[in-house]
Amino acid sequence: MQYEVHWEHTQTKEYNTHGKYATFEEALQSICDWWELNKYKPHYVRYWTRKARTIVDYGSHHMFYYIYAIGGAK
């Protein structure tokens, strides 16, 4: 299984794919790494999973990250 990170701005409909990762932890860390690289510190981070998609809410009200579980066992 792999994990793919996406970002969406729900007001402007901007949508980006950030990359694929071998584990969920690596996918989540990639988001934190991007924040650090861009000197961004969210006030809070919470996430929940529904089906094969984890929604990452970081306090912006209109912008979210999504981590999709893709593929299956080899």
Protein backbone atom coordinates (compact mmCIF):
# COMPACT_ATOMS: atom_id res chain seq x y z
CA MET A 1 0.00 0.00 0.00
CA GLN A 2 1.13 3.55 -0.74
CA TYR A 3 -0.15 6.90 0.46
CA GLU A 4 -0.69 9.96 -1.71
CA VAL A 5 -0.84 13.50 -0.31
CA HIS A 6 -3.14 16.12 -1.84
CA TRP A 7 -3.94 19.71 -0.84
CA GLU A 8 -7.13 21.66 -1.57
CA HIS A 9 -8.29 25.24 -1.13
CA THR A 10 -12.06 24.81 -1.07
CA GLN A 11 -12.88 28.46 -1.90
CA THR A 12 -10.60 28.88 -4.92
CA LYS A 13 -10.85 25.22 -6.01
CA GLU A 14 -7.03 25.05 -6.22
CA TYR A 15 -5.92 21.43 -5.91
CA ASN A 16 -2.39 20.00 -5.85
CA THR A 17 -0.89 16.54 -5.54
CA HIS A 18 2.21 16.60 -3.34
CA GLY A 19 3.55 13.08 -3.76
CA LYS A 20 3.41 9.38 -2.92
CA TYR A 21 4.88 7.79 0.19
CA ALA A 22 5.50 4.25 1.39
CA THR A 23 3.82 4.71 4.79
CA PHE A 24 1.09 6.84 6.32
CA GLU A 25 3.65 8.27 8.75
CA GLU A 26 5.89 9.41 5.87
CA ALA A 27 2.91 11.02 4.15
CA LEU A 28 1.95 12.90 7.32
CA GLN A 29 5.57 13.91 7.91
CA SER A 30 5.79 15.30 4.36
CA ILE A 31 3.10 17.83 5.30
CA CYS A 32 4.99 18.86 8.44
CA ASP A 33 8.21 19.10 6.43
CA TRP A 34 6.54 21.44 3.92
CA TRP A 35 5.29 23.64 6.77
CA GLU A 36 8.78 23.79 8.28
CA LEU A 37 10.40 24.56 4.92
CA ASN A 38 7.95 27.43 4.42
CA LYS A 39 8.18 28.66 8.03
CA TYR A 40 4.51 27.94 8.66
CA LYS A 41 3.26 26.86 12.08
CA PRO A 42 -0.41 25.83 12.29
CA HIS A 43 -2.31 26.68 15.46
CA TYR A 44 -3.55 23.11 15.62
CA VAL A 45 -3.63 19.94 13.55
CA ARG A 46 -6.31 17.29 13.67
CA TYR A 47 -7.08 14.48 11.31
CA TRP A 48 -9.62 11.75 10.82
CA THR A 49 -10.03 8.90 8.37
CA ARG A 50 -13.11 7.95 6.38
CA LYS A 51 -12.79 4.96 4.10
CA ALA A 52 -9.40 5.28 2.34
CA ARG A 53 -8.97 9.06 2.85
CA THR A 54 -7.52 10.89 5.84
CA ILE A 55 -8.51 14.55 6.10
CA VAL A 56 -5.92 16.83 7.72
CA ASP A 57 -7.43 20.01 9.17
CA TYR A 58 -4.80 22.55 10.17
CA GLY A 59 -7.02 25.47 11.13
CA SER A 60 -7.41 27.41 7.90
CA HIS A 61 -11.17 26.69 7.50
CA HIS A 62 -10.85 26.50 3.70
CA MET A 63 -7.65 24.54 3.10
CA PHE A 64 -7.12 20.87 3.81
CA TYR A 65 -4.66 18.10 3.13
CA TYR A 66 -5.88 14.65 2.15
CA ILE A 67 -3.91 11.46 2.49
CA TYR A 68 -5.24 8.69 0.26
CA ALA A 69 -4.41 5.03 0.81
CA ILE A 70 -3.79 3.73 -2.71
CA GLY A 71 -3.06 0.31 -4.06
CA GLY A 72 -3.17 -2.93 -2.19
CA ALA A 73 -0.91 -5.60 -0.85
CA LYS A 74 1.70 -6.87 -3.28
